[in-house]
Amino acid sequence: MNHDLLHIQGKPYVLVPLHEYRMMSGNNAANDSDLPDDLLDEIYAGQDNPIKILRKYRGLTQAELAEAAELSRPYLTEIETGKKDGSVGALKSLALALDIPAGILLR
């Protein structure tokens, strides 16, 4: 794996992908998943809701994921749009339904 090296004010810095940084800094829930690196980068970039990203990656509709997680579709919609954070129990159910480590959602 290649990383870029750059110098700022004479000090060397190494650029690493965000998911690698997260794993090195203690958030290693991603280590236990089958998710590709580019998907983890998208999740950790925080530009969209991770549940929505993962739902689409798994090819599920909101209704399908809500049913699998035993949640209502309106509640899932509120979580995906940021209107609600989602309880720890709901996030664990979603992680199970998405077949991912719960730590990816509980951050």
PDB file of N, CA and C in Angstrom:
ATOM      1  N   MET A   1       0.854  -1.168   0.000  1.00  0.00           N
ATOM      2  CA  MET A   1       0.000   0.000   0.000  1.00  0.00           C
ATOM      3  C   MET A   1       0.904   1.236   0.000  1.00  0.00           C
ATOM      4  N   ASN A   2       0.654   2.143  -0.905  1.00  0.00           N
ATOM      5  CA  ASN A   2       1.453   3.354  -1.012  1.00  0.00           C
ATOM      6  C   ASN A   2       0.735   4.518  -0.351  1.00  0.00           C
ATOM      7  N   HIS A   3       1.515   5.341   0.333  1.00  0.00           N
ATOM      8  CA  HIS A   3       0.973   6.549   0.940  1.00  0.00           C
ATOM      9  C   HIS A   3       1.796   7.729   0.459  1.00  0.00           C
ATOM     10  N   ASP A   4       1.166   8.859   0.373  1.00  0.00           N
ATOM     11  CA  ASP A   4       1.855  10.060  -0.071  1.00  0.00           C
ATOM     12  C   ASP A   4       2.588  10.706   1.100  1.00  0.00           C
ATOM     13  N   LEU A   5       3.760  11.190   0.831  1.00  0.00           N
ATOM     14  CA  LEU A   5       4.560  11.910   1.818  1.00  0.00           C
ATOM     15  C   LEU A   5       4.631  13.359   1.382  1.00  0.00           C
ATOM     16  N   LEU A   6       4.343  14.256   2.319  1.00  0.00           N
ATOM     17  CA  LEU A   6       4.495  15.668   2.006  1.00  0.00           C
ATOM     18  C   LEU A   6       5.159  16.362   3.185  1.00  0.00           C
ATOM     19  N   HIS A   7       5.743  17.506   2.890  1.00  0.00           N
ATOM     20  CA  HIS A   7       6.430  18.277   3.917  1.00  0.00           C
ATOM     21  C   HIS A   7       5.722  19.610   4.100  1.00  0.00           C
ATOM     22  N   ILE A   8       5.433  19.925   5.349  1.00  0.00           N
ATOM     23  CA  ILE A   8       4.820  21.193   5.699  1.00  0.00           C
ATOM     24  C   ILE A   8       5.721  21.850   6.743  1.00  0.00           C
ATOM     25  N   GLN A   9       6.212  23.007   6.400  1.00  0.00           N
ATOM     26  CA  GLN A   9       7.147  23.739   7.250  1.00  0.00           C
ATOM     27  C   GLN A   9       8.303  22.848   7.695  1.00  0.00           C
ATOM     28  N   GLY A  10       8.798  22.052   6.751  1.00  0.00           N
ATOM     29  CA  GLY A  10       9.966  21.225   7.000  1.00  0.00           C
ATOM     30  C   GLY A  10       9.683  19.919   7.728  1.00  0.00           C
ATOM     31  N   LYS A  11       8.440  19.664   8.118  1.00  0.00           N
ATOM     32  CA  LYS A  11       8.111  18.428   8.829  1.00  0.00           C
ATOM     33  C   LYS A  11       7.433  17.455   7.868  1.00  0.00           C
ATOM     34  N   PRO A  12       7.837  16.165   7.903  1.00  0.00           N
ATOM     35  CA  PRO A  12       7.218  15.186   7.007  1.00  0.00           C
ATOM     36  C   PRO A  12       5.866  14.706   7.557  1.00  0.00           C
ATOM     37  N   TYR A  13       4.903  14.570   6.663  1.00  0.00           N
ATOM     38  CA  TYR A  13       3.575  14.054   6.997  1.00  0.00           C
ATOM     39  C   TYR A  13       3.229  12.966   5.985  1.00  0.00           C
ATOM     40  N   VAL A  14       2.535  11.945   6.444  1.00  0.00           N
ATOM     41  CA  VAL A  14       2.098  10.861   5.577  1.00  0.00           C
ATOM     42  C   VAL A  14       0.587  10.948   5.438  1.00  0.00           C
ATOM     43  N   LEU A  15       0.109  10.920   4.198  1.00  0.00           N
ATOM     44  CA  LEU A  15      -1.324  10.920   3.938  1.00  0.00           C
ATOM     45  C   LEU A  15      -1.785   9.472   3.845  1.00  0.00           C
ATOM     46  N   VAL A  16      -2.775   9.123   4.674  1.00  0.00           N
ATOM     47  CA  VAL A  16      -3.333   7.781   4.654  1.00  0.00           C
ATOM     48  C   VAL A  16      -4.833   7.878   4.415  1.00  0.00           C
ATOM     49  N   PRO A  17      -5.441   6.859   3.832  1.00  0.00           N
ATOM     50  CA  PRO A  17      -6.895   6.874   3.672  1.00  0.00           C
ATOM     51  C   PRO A  17      -7.582   6.996   5.030  1.00  0.00           C
ATOM     52  N   LEU A  18      -8.711   7.662   5.040  1.00  0.00           N
ATOM     53  CA  LEU A  18      -9.412   7.947   6.285  1.00  0.00           C
ATOM     54  C   LEU A  18      -9.740   6.686   7.068  1.00  0.00           C
ATOM     55  N   HIS A  19     -10.188   5.628   6.398  1.00  0.00           N
ATOM     56  CA  HIS A  19     -10.531   4.406   7.135  1.00  0.00           C
ATOM     57  C   HIS A  19      -9.297   3.808   7.813  1.00  0.00           C
ATOM     58  N   GLU A  20      -8.127   3.921   7.197  1.00  0.00           N
ATOM     59  CA  GLU A  20      -6.907   3.423   7.827  1.00  0.00           C
ATOM     60  C   GLU A  20      -6.581   4.245   9.072  1.00  0.00           C
ATOM     61  N   TYR A  21      -6.731   5.556   8.972  1.00  0.00           N
ATOM     62  CA  TYR A  21      -6.500   6.413  10.122  1.00  0.00           C
ATOM     63  C   TYR A  21      -7.432   6.037  11.271  1.00  0.00           C
ATOM     64  N   ARG A  22      -8.724   5.834  10.943  1.00  0.00           N
ATOM     65  CA  ARG A  22      -9.695   5.467  11.979  1.00  0.00           C
ATOM     66  C   ARG A  22      -9.292   4.165  12.653  1.00  0.00           C
ATOM     67  N   MET A  23      -8.843   3.193  11.855  1.00  0.00           N
ATOM     68  CA  MET A  23      -8.430   1.916  12.435  1.00  0.00           C
ATOM     69  C   MET A  23      -7.203   2.096  13.320  1.00  0.00           C
ATOM     70  N   MET A  24      -6.243   2.914  12.878  1.00  0.00           N
ATOM     71  CA  MET A  24      -5.036   3.139  13.660  1.00  0.00           C
ATOM     72  C   MET A  24      -5.325   3.911  14.943  1.00  0.00           C
ATOM     73  N   SER A  25      -6.359   4.749  14.903  1.00  0.00           N
ATOM     74  CA  SER A  25      -6.657   5.570  16.072  1.00  0.00           C
ATOM     75  C   SER A  25      -7.649   4.904  17.021  1.00  0.00           C
ATOM     76  N   GLY A  26      -7.931   3.622  16.810  1.00  0.00           N
ATOM     77  CA  GLY A  26      -8.742   2.894  17.768  1.00  0.00           C
ATOM     78  C   GLY A  26     -10.127   2.525  17.299  1.00  0.00           C
ATOM     79  N   ASN A  27     -10.618   3.083  16.220  1.00  0.00           N
ATOM     80  CA  ASN A  27     -11.934   2.698  15.723  1.00  0.00           C
ATOM     81  C   ASN A  27     -11.735   1.564  14.725  1.00  0.00           C
ATOM     82  N   ASN A  28     -11.570   0.346  15.248  1.00  0.00           N
ATOM     83  CA  ASN A  28     -11.282  -0.761  14.358  1.00  0.00           C
ATOM     84  C   ASN A  28     -12.466  -1.685  14.151  1.00  0.00           C
ATOM     85  N   ALA A  29     -13.682  -1.156  14.276  1.00  0.00           N
ATOM     86  CA  ALA A  29     -14.869  -1.960  13.967  1.00  0.00           C
ATOM     87  C   ALA A  29     -14.835  -2.394  12.508  1.00  0.00           C
ATOM     88  N   ALA A  30     -14.261  -1.574  11.662  1.00  0.00           N
ATOM     89  CA  ALA A  30     -14.221  -1.892  10.237  1.00  0.00           C
ATOM     90  C   ALA A  30     -13.338  -3.100   9.953  1.00  0.00           C
ATOM     91  N   ASN A  31     -12.393  -3.417  10.856  1.00  0.00           N
ATOM     92  CA  ASN A  31     -11.524  -4.568  10.642  1.00  0.00           C
ATOM     93  C   ASN A  31     -12.304  -5.860  10.518  1.00  0.00           C
ATOM     94  N   ASP A  32     -13.456  -5.938  11.176  1.00  0.00           N
ATOM     95  CA  ASP A  32     -14.226  -7.162  11.233  1.00  0.00           C
ATOM     96  C   ASP A  32     -15.309  -7.230  10.161  1.00  0.00           C
ATOM     97  N   SER A  33     -15.266  -6.362   9.201  1.00  0.00           N
ATOM     98  CA  SER A  33     -16.322  -6.336   8.188  1.00  0.00           C
ATOM     99  C   SER A  33     -15.780  -6.752   6.829  1.00  0.00           C
ATOM    100  N   ASP A  34     -16.717  -7.044   5.940  1.00  0.00           N
ATOM    101  CA  ASP A  34     -16.352  -7.392   4.564  1.00  0.00           C
ATOM    102  C   ASP A  34     -16.488  -6.183   3.642  1.00  0.00           C
ATOM    103  N   LEU A  35     -16.593  -5.003   4.226  1.00  0.00           N
ATOM    104  CA  LEU A  35     -16.848  -3.799   3.436  1.00  0.00           C
ATOM    105  C   LEU A  35     -15.585  -3.335   2.721  1.00  0.00           C
ATOM    106  N   PRO A  36     -15.714  -2.934   1.475  1.00  0.00           N
ATOM    107  CA  PRO A  36     -14.539  -2.449   0.732  1.00  0.00           C
ATOM    108  C   PRO A  36     -14.035  -1.113   1.281  1.00  0.00           C
ATOM    109  N   ASP A  37     -12.765  -0.883   1.098  1.00  0.00           N
ATOM    110  CA  ASP A  37     -12.129   0.326   1.623  1.00  0.00           C
ATOM    111  C   ASP A  37     -12.786   1.605   1.136  1.00  0.00           C
ATOM    112  N   ASP A  38     -13.164   1.660  -0.142  1.00  0.00           N
ATOM    113  CA  ASP A  38     -13.757   2.898  -0.659  1.00  0.00           C
ATOM    114  C   ASP A  38     -15.114   3.170   0.002  1.00  0.00           C
ATOM    115  N   LEU A  39     -15.847   2.121   0.349  1.00  0.00           N
ATOM    116  CA  LEU A  39     -17.116   2.309   1.049  1.00  0.00           C
ATOM    117  C   LEU A  39     -16.878   2.815   2.470  1.00  0.00           C
ATOM    118  N   LEU A  40     -15.871   2.265   3.138  1.00  0.00           N
ATOM    119  CA  LEU A  40     -15.526   2.743   4.487  1.00  0.00           C
ATOM    120  C   LEU A  40     -15.076   4.197   4.442  1.00  0.00           C
ATOM    121  N   ASP A  41     -14.321   4.552   3.416  1.00  0.00           N
ATOM    122  CA  ASP A  41     -13.914   5.953   3.267  1.00  0.00           C
ATOM    123  C   ASP A  41     -15.138   6.857   3.144  1.00  0.00           C
ATOM    124  N   GLU A  42     -16.115   6.429   2.359  1.00  0.00           N
ATOM    125  CA  GLU A  42     -17.333   7.217   2.171  1.00  0.00           C
ATOM    126  C   GLU A  42     -18.103   7.342   3.494  1.00  0.00           C
ATOM    127  N   ILE A  43     -18.184   6.256   4.231  1.00  0.00           N
ATOM    128  CA  ILE A  43     -18.883   6.277   5.519  1.00  0.00           C
ATOM    129  C   ILE A  43     -18.194   7.230   6.485  1.00  0.00           C
ATOM    130  N   TYR A  44     -16.874   7.093   6.619  1.00  0.00           N
ATOM    131  CA  TYR A  44     -16.138   7.902   7.593  1.00  0.00           C
ATOM    132  C   TYR A  44     -15.970   9.350   7.165  1.00  0.00           C
ATOM    133  N   ALA A  45     -16.169   9.641   5.897  1.00  0.00           N
ATOM    134  CA  ALA A  45     -16.103  11.032   5.442  1.00  0.00           C
ATOM    135  C   ALA A  45     -17.260  11.839   6.020  1.00  0.00           C
ATOM    136  N   GLY A  46     -18.349  11.163   6.354  1.00  0.00           N
ATOM    137  CA  GLY A  46     -19.467  11.814   7.025  1.00  0.00           C
ATOM    138  C   GLY A  46     -20.326  12.720   6.164  1.00  0.00           C
ATOM    139  N   GLN A  47     -20.261  12.575   4.864  1.00  0.00           N
ATOM    140  CA  GLN A  47     -21.055  13.442   3.999  1.00  0.00           C
ATOM    141  C   GLN A  47     -22.481  12.950   3.815  1.00  0.00           C
ATOM    142  N   ASP A  48     -22.735  11.693   4.147  1.00  0.00           N
ATOM    143  CA  ASP A  48     -24.083  11.139   4.061  1.00  0.00           C
ATOM    144  C   ASP A  48     -24.254  10.182   5.231  1.00  0.00           C
ATOM    145  N   ASN A  49     -25.480   9.846   5.550  1.00  0.00           N
ATOM    146  CA  ASN A  49     -25.766   8.962   6.666  1.00  0.00           C
ATOM    147  C   ASN A  49     -25.207   7.572   6.388  1.00  0.00           C
ATOM    148  N   PRO A  50     -24.434   7.007   7.330  1.00  0.00           N
ATOM    149  CA  PRO A  50     -23.835   5.691   7.078  1.00  0.00           C
ATOM    150  C   PRO A  50     -24.867   4.588   6.867  1.00  0.00           C
ATOM    151  N   ILE A  51     -26.012   4.682   7.528  1.00  0.00           N
ATOM    152  CA  ILE A  51     -27.042   3.658   7.349  1.00  0.00           C
ATOM    153  C   ILE A  51     -27.567   3.694   5.908  1.00  0.00           C
ATOM    154  N   LYS A  52     -27.777   4.888   5.397  1.00  0.00           N
ATOM    155  CA  LYS A  52     -28.245   5.030   4.015  1.00  0.00           C
ATOM    156  C   LYS A  52     -27.209   4.482   3.038  1.00  0.00           C
ATOM    157  N   ILE A  53     -25.939   4.809   3.271  1.00  0.00           N
ATOM    158  CA  ILE A  53     -24.858   4.324   2.408  1.00  0.00           C
ATOM    159  C   ILE A  53     -24.824   2.800   2.419  1.00  0.00           C
ATOM    160  N   LEU A  54     -24.881   2.221   3.614  1.00  0.00           N
ATOM    161  CA  LEU A  54     -24.805   0.770   3.744  1.00  0.00           C
ATOM    162  C   LEU A  54     -26.059   0.081   3.212  1.00  0.00           C
ATOM    163  N   ARG A  55     -27.208   0.692   3.414  1.00  0.00           N
ATOM    164  CA  ARG A  55     -28.457   0.129   2.885  1.00  0.00           C
ATOM    165  C   ARG A  55     -28.392   0.027   1.371  1.00  0.00           C
ATOM    166  N   LYS A  56     -27.949   1.108   0.739  1.00  0.00           N
ATOM    167  CA  LYS A  56     -27.846   1.098  -0.721  1.00  0.00           C
ATOM    168  C   LYS A  56     -26.788   0.102  -1.192  1.00  0.00           C
ATOM    169  N   TYR A  57     -25.671   0.022  -0.478  1.00  0.00           N
ATOM    170  CA  TYR A  57     -24.618  -0.930  -0.821  1.00  0.00           C
ATOM    171  C   TYR A  57     -25.142  -2.367  -0.771  1.00  0.00           C
ATOM    172  N   ARG A  58     -25.974  -2.654   0.205  1.00  0.00           N
ATOM    173  CA  ARG A  58     -26.553  -3.998   0.346  1.00  0.00           C
ATOM    174  C   ARG A  58     -27.732  -4.224  -0.596  1.00  0.00           C
ATOM    175  N   GLY A  59     -28.129  -3.175  -1.328  1.00  0.00           N
ATOM    176  CA  GLY A  59     -29.207  -3.317  -2.303  1.00  0.00           C
ATOM    177  C   GLY A  59     -30.586  -3.418  -1.679  1.00  0.00           C
ATOM    178  N   LEU A  60     -30.772  -2.764  -0.540  1.00  0.00           N
ATOM    179  CA  LEU A  60     -32.043  -2.825   0.175  1.00  0.00           C
ATOM    180  C   LEU A  60     -32.818  -1.524   0.042  1.00  0.00           C
ATOM    181  N   THR A  61     -34.134  -1.640   0.034  1.00  0.00           N
ATOM    182  CA  THR A  61     -34.979  -0.450   0.133  1.00  0.00           C
ATOM    183  C   THR A  61     -35.141  -0.118   1.613  1.00  0.00           C
ATOM    184  N   GLN A  62     -35.665   1.077   1.886  1.00  0.00           N
ATOM    185  CA  GLN A  62     -35.931   1.421   3.279  1.00  0.00           C
ATOM    186  C   GLN A  62     -36.917   0.437   3.898  1.00  0.00           C
ATOM    187  N   ALA A  63     -37.936   0.070   3.156  1.00  0.00           N
ATOM    188  CA  ALA A  63     -38.940  -0.865   3.675  1.00  0.00           C
ATOM    189  C   ALA A  63     -38.318  -2.219   4.009  1.00  0.00           C
ATOM    190  N   GLU A  64     -37.438  -2.704   3.147  1.00  0.00           N
ATOM    191  CA  GLU A  64     -36.789  -4.002   3.386  1.00  0.00           C
ATOM    192  C   GLU A  64     -35.889  -3.960   4.607  1.00  0.00           C
ATOM    193  N   LEU A  65     -35.091  -2.881   4.728  1.00  0.00           N
ATOM    194  CA  LEU A  65     -34.207  -2.770   5.880  1.00  0.00           C
ATOM    195  C   LEU A  65     -35.007  -2.587   7.165  1.00  0.00           C
ATOM    196  N   ALA A  66     -36.030  -1.760   7.128  1.00  0.00           N
ATOM    197  CA  ALA A  66     -36.857  -1.546   8.315  1.00  0.00           C
ATOM    198  C   ALA A  66     -37.468  -2.866   8.784  1.00  0.00           C
ATOM    199  N   GLU A  67     -37.977  -3.653   7.853  1.00  0.00           N
ATOM    200  CA  GLU A  67     -38.569  -4.943   8.212  1.00  0.00           C
ATOM    201  C   GLU A  67     -37.516  -5.878   8.803  1.00  0.00           C
ATOM    202  N   ALA A  68     -36.341  -5.949   8.187  1.00  0.00           N
ATOM    203  CA  ALA A  68     -35.268  -6.826   8.664  1.00  0.00           C
ATOM    204  C   ALA A  68     -34.795  -6.419  10.058  1.00  0.00           C
ATOM    205  N   ALA A  69     -34.811  -5.119  10.335  1.00  0.00           N
ATOM    206  CA  ALA A  69     -34.352  -4.610  11.628  1.00  0.00           C
ATOM    207  C   ALA A  69     -35.495  -4.492  12.642  1.00  0.00           C
ATOM    208  N   GLU A  70     -36.695  -4.858  12.203  1.00  0.00           N
ATOM    209  CA  GLU A  70     -37.885  -4.771  13.056  1.00  0.00           C
ATOM    210  C   GLU A  70     -38.130  -3.350  13.560  1.00  0.00           C
ATOM    211  N   LEU A  71     -38.000  -2.399  12.621  1.00  0.00           N
ATOM    212  CA  LEU A  71     -38.259  -0.986  12.895  1.00  0.00           C
ATOM    213  C   LEU A  71     -39.334  -0.516  11.917  1.00  0.00           C
ATOM    214  N   SER A  72     -39.962   0.593  12.232  1.00  0.00           N
ATOM    215  CA  SER A  72     -40.910   1.149  11.262  1.00  0.00           C
ATOM    216  C   SER A  72     -40.127   1.892  10.173  1.00  0.00           C
ATOM    217  N   ARG A  73     -40.677   1.905   8.966  1.00  0.00           N
ATOM    218  CA  ARG A  73     -40.009   2.622   7.887  1.00  0.00           C
ATOM    219  C   ARG A  73     -39.922   4.105   8.175  1.00  0.00           C
ATOM    220  N   PRO A  74     -40.974   4.752   8.751  1.00  0.00           N
ATOM    221  CA  PRO A  74     -40.835   6.179   9.079  1.00  0.00           C
ATOM    222  C   PRO A  74     -39.701   6.449  10.079  1.00  0.00           C
ATOM    223  N   TYR A  75     -39.514   5.551  11.051  1.00  0.00           N
ATOM    224  CA  TYR A  75     -38.425   5.729  12.017  1.00  0.00           C
ATOM    225  C   TYR A  75     -37.071   5.613  11.319  1.00  0.00           C
ATOM    226  N   LEU A  76     -36.938   4.629  10.425  1.00  0.00           N
ATOM    227  CA  LEU A  76     -35.697   4.483   9.664  1.00  0.00           C
ATOM    228  C   LEU A  76     -35.438   5.734   8.834  1.00  0.00           C
ATOM    229  N   THR A  77     -36.478   6.261   8.209  1.00  0.00           N
ATOM    230  CA  THR A  77     -36.336   7.488   7.418  1.00  0.00           C
ATOM    231  C   THR A  77     -35.833   8.634   8.286  1.00  0.00           C
ATOM    232  N   GLU A  78     -36.375   8.766   9.479  1.00  0.00           N
ATOM    233  CA  GLU A  78     -35.936   9.832  10.389  1.00  0.00           C
ATOM    234  C   GLU A  78     -34.467   9.654  10.778  1.00  0.00           C
ATOM    235  N   ILE A  79     -34.043   8.432  10.966  1.00  0.00           N
ATOM    236  CA  ILE A  79     -32.632   8.175  11.291  1.00  0.00           C
ATOM    237  C   ILE A  79     -31.749   8.517  10.091  1.00  0.00           C
ATOM    238  N   GLU A  80     -32.138   8.047   8.911  1.00  0.00           N
ATOM    239  CA  GLU A  80     -31.332   8.302   7.709  1.00  0.00           C
ATOM    240  C   GLU A  80     -31.239   9.781   7.366  1.00  0.00           C
ATOM    241  N   THR A  81     -32.295  10.541   7.646  1.00  0.00           N
ATOM    242  CA  THR A  81     -32.278  11.971   7.305  1.00  0.00           C
ATOM    243  C   THR A  81     -31.727  12.833   8.428  1.00  0.00           C
ATOM    244  N   GLY A  82     -31.381  12.230   9.560  1.00  0.00           N
ATOM    245  CA  GLY A  82     -30.805  12.978  10.664  1.00  0.00           C
ATOM    246  C   GLY A  82     -31.817  13.643  11.571  1.00  0.00           C
ATOM    247  N   LYS A  83     -33.094  13.398  11.359  1.00  0.00           N
ATOM    248  CA  LYS A  83     -34.111  13.985  12.240  1.00  0.00           C
ATOM    249  C   LYS A  83     -34.089  13.331  13.612  1.00  0.00           C
ATOM    250  N   LYS A  84     -33.669  12.065  13.659  1.00  0.00           N
ATOM    251  CA  LYS A  84     -33.507  11.341  14.917  1.00  0.00           C
ATOM    252  C   LYS A  84     -32.170  10.617  14.878  1.00  0.00           C
ATOM    253  N   ASP A  85     -31.559  10.480  16.059  1.00  0.00           N
ATOM    254  CA  ASP A  85     -30.284   9.776  16.146  1.00  0.00           C
ATOM    255  C   ASP A  85     -30.449   8.267  16.090  1.00  0.00           C
ATOM    256  N   GLY A  86     -31.554   7.781  16.591  1.00  0.00           N
ATOM    257  CA  GLY A  86     -31.748   6.335  16.679  1.00  0.00           C
ATOM    258  C   GLY A  86     -31.229   5.829  18.007  1.00  0.00           C
ATOM    259  N   SER A  87     -32.003   5.005  18.655  1.00  0.00           N
ATOM    260  CA  SER A  87     -31.582   4.450  19.943  1.00  0.00           C
ATOM    261  C   SER A  87     -30.445   3.458  19.718  1.00  0.00           C
ATOM    262  N   VAL A  88     -29.747   3.141  20.782  1.00  0.00           N
ATOM    263  CA  VAL A  88     -28.673   2.149  20.688  1.00  0.00           C
ATOM    264  C   VAL A  88     -29.252   0.822  20.213  1.00  0.00           C
ATOM    265  N   GLY A  89     -30.422   0.464  20.724  1.00  0.00           N
ATOM    266  CA  GLY A  89     -31.060  -0.782  20.300  1.00  0.00           C
ATOM    267  C   GLY A  89     -31.404  -0.784  18.830  1.00  0.00           C
ATOM    268  N   ALA A  90     -31.913   0.339  18.341  1.00  0.00           N
ATOM    269  CA  ALA A  90     -32.257   0.444  16.925  1.00  0.00           C
ATOM    270  C   ALA A  90     -31.008   0.336  16.061  1.00  0.00           C
ATOM    271  N   LEU A  91     -29.932   0.997  16.472  1.00  0.00           N
ATOM    272  CA  LEU A  91     -28.692   0.944  15.695  1.00  0.00           C
ATOM    273  C   LEU A  91     -28.100  -0.462  15.697  1.00  0.00           C
ATOM    274  N   LYS A  92     -28.209  -1.157  16.829  1.00  0.00           N
ATOM    275  CA  LYS A  92     -27.727  -2.543  16.878  1.00  0.00           C
ATOM    276  C   LYS A  92     -28.558  -3.429  15.953  1.00  0.00           C
ATOM    277  N   SER A  93     -29.873  -3.219  15.937  1.00  0.00           N
ATOM    278  CA  SER A  93     -30.743  -3.989  15.040  1.00  0.00           C
ATOM    279  C   SER A  93     -30.407  -3.708  13.578  1.00  0.00           C
ATOM    280  N   LEU A  94     -30.147  -2.442  13.274  1.00  0.00           N
ATOM    281  CA  LEU A  94     -29.775  -2.079  11.905  1.00  0.00           C
ATOM    282  C   LEU A  94     -28.441  -2.705  11.520  1.00  0.00           C
ATOM    283  N   ALA A  95     -27.473  -2.688  12.434  1.00  0.00           N
ATOM    284  CA  ALA A  95     -26.170  -3.295  12.160  1.00  0.00           C
ATOM    285  C   ALA A  95     -26.322  -4.788  11.879  1.00  0.00           C
ATOM    286  N   LEU A  96     -27.153  -5.446  12.669  1.00  0.00           N
ATOM    287  CA  LEU A  96     -27.389  -6.873  12.458  1.00  0.00           C
ATOM    288  C   LEU A  96     -28.042  -7.114  11.097  1.00  0.00           C
ATOM    289  N   ALA A  97     -29.040  -6.315  10.764  1.00  0.00           N
ATOM    290  CA  ALA A  97     -29.734  -6.456   9.483  1.00  0.00           C
ATOM    291  C   ALA A  97     -28.819  -6.154   8.299  1.00  0.00           C
ATOM    292  N   LEU A  98     -27.865  -5.243   8.500  1.00  0.00           N
ATOM    293  CA  LEU A  98     -26.925  -4.872   7.430  1.00  0.00           C
ATOM    294  C   LEU A  98     -25.688  -5.774   7.411  1.00  0.00           C
ATOM    295  N   ASP A  99     -25.597  -6.670   8.405  1.00  0.00           N
ATOM    296  CA  ASP A  99     -24.465  -7.590   8.519  1.00  0.00           C
ATOM    297  C   ASP A  99     -23.136  -6.847   8.630  1.00  0.00           C
ATOM    298  N   ILE A 100     -23.119  -5.906   9.572  1.00  0.00           N
ATOM    299  CA  ILE A 100     -21.901  -5.131   9.835  1.00  0.00           C
ATOM    300  C   ILE A 100     -21.659  -5.081  11.335  1.00  0.00           C
ATOM    301  N   PRO A 101     -20.431  -4.815  11.767  1.00  0.00           N
ATOM    302  CA  PRO A 101     -20.187  -4.621  13.192  1.00  0.00           C
ATOM    303  C   PRO A 101     -20.933  -3.370  13.679  1.00  0.00           C
ATOM    304  N   ALA A 102     -21.578  -3.466  14.826  1.00  0.00           N
ATOM    305  CA  ALA A 102     -22.349  -2.340  15.360  1.00  0.00           C
ATOM    306  C   ALA A 102     -21.477  -1.111  15.567  1.00  0.00           C
ATOM    307  N   GLY A 103     -20.200  -1.306  15.819  1.00  0.00           N
ATOM    308  CA  GLY A 103     -19.297  -0.183  16.060  1.00  0.00           C
ATOM    309  C   GLY A 103     -19.214   0.795  14.907  1.00  0.00           C
ATOM    310  N   ILE A 104     -19.517   0.340  13.715  1.00  0.00           N
ATOM    311  CA  ILE A 104     -19.497   1.243  12.564  1.00  0.00           C
ATOM    312  C   ILE A 104     -20.597   2.291  12.707  1.00  0.00           C
ATOM    313  N   LEU A 105     -21.734   1.895  13.285  1.00  0.00           N
ATOM    314  CA  LEU A 105     -22.853   2.829  13.452  1.00  0.00           C
ATOM    315  C   LEU A 105     -22.809   3.548  14.791  1.00  0.00           C
ATOM    316  N   LEU A 106     -22.191   2.934  15.788  1.00  0.00           N
ATOM    317  CA  LEU A 106     -22.159   3.506  17.134  1.00  0.00           C
ATOM    318  C   LEU A 106     -20.871   4.287  17.341  1.00  0.00           C
ATOM    319  N   ARG A 107     -20.726   5.378  16.621  1.00  0.00           N
ATOM    320  CA  ARG A 107     -19.501   6.185  16.743  1.00  0.00           C
ATOM    321  C   ARG A 107     -19.857   7.608  17.014  1.00  0.00           C
TER     322      ARG A 107
END
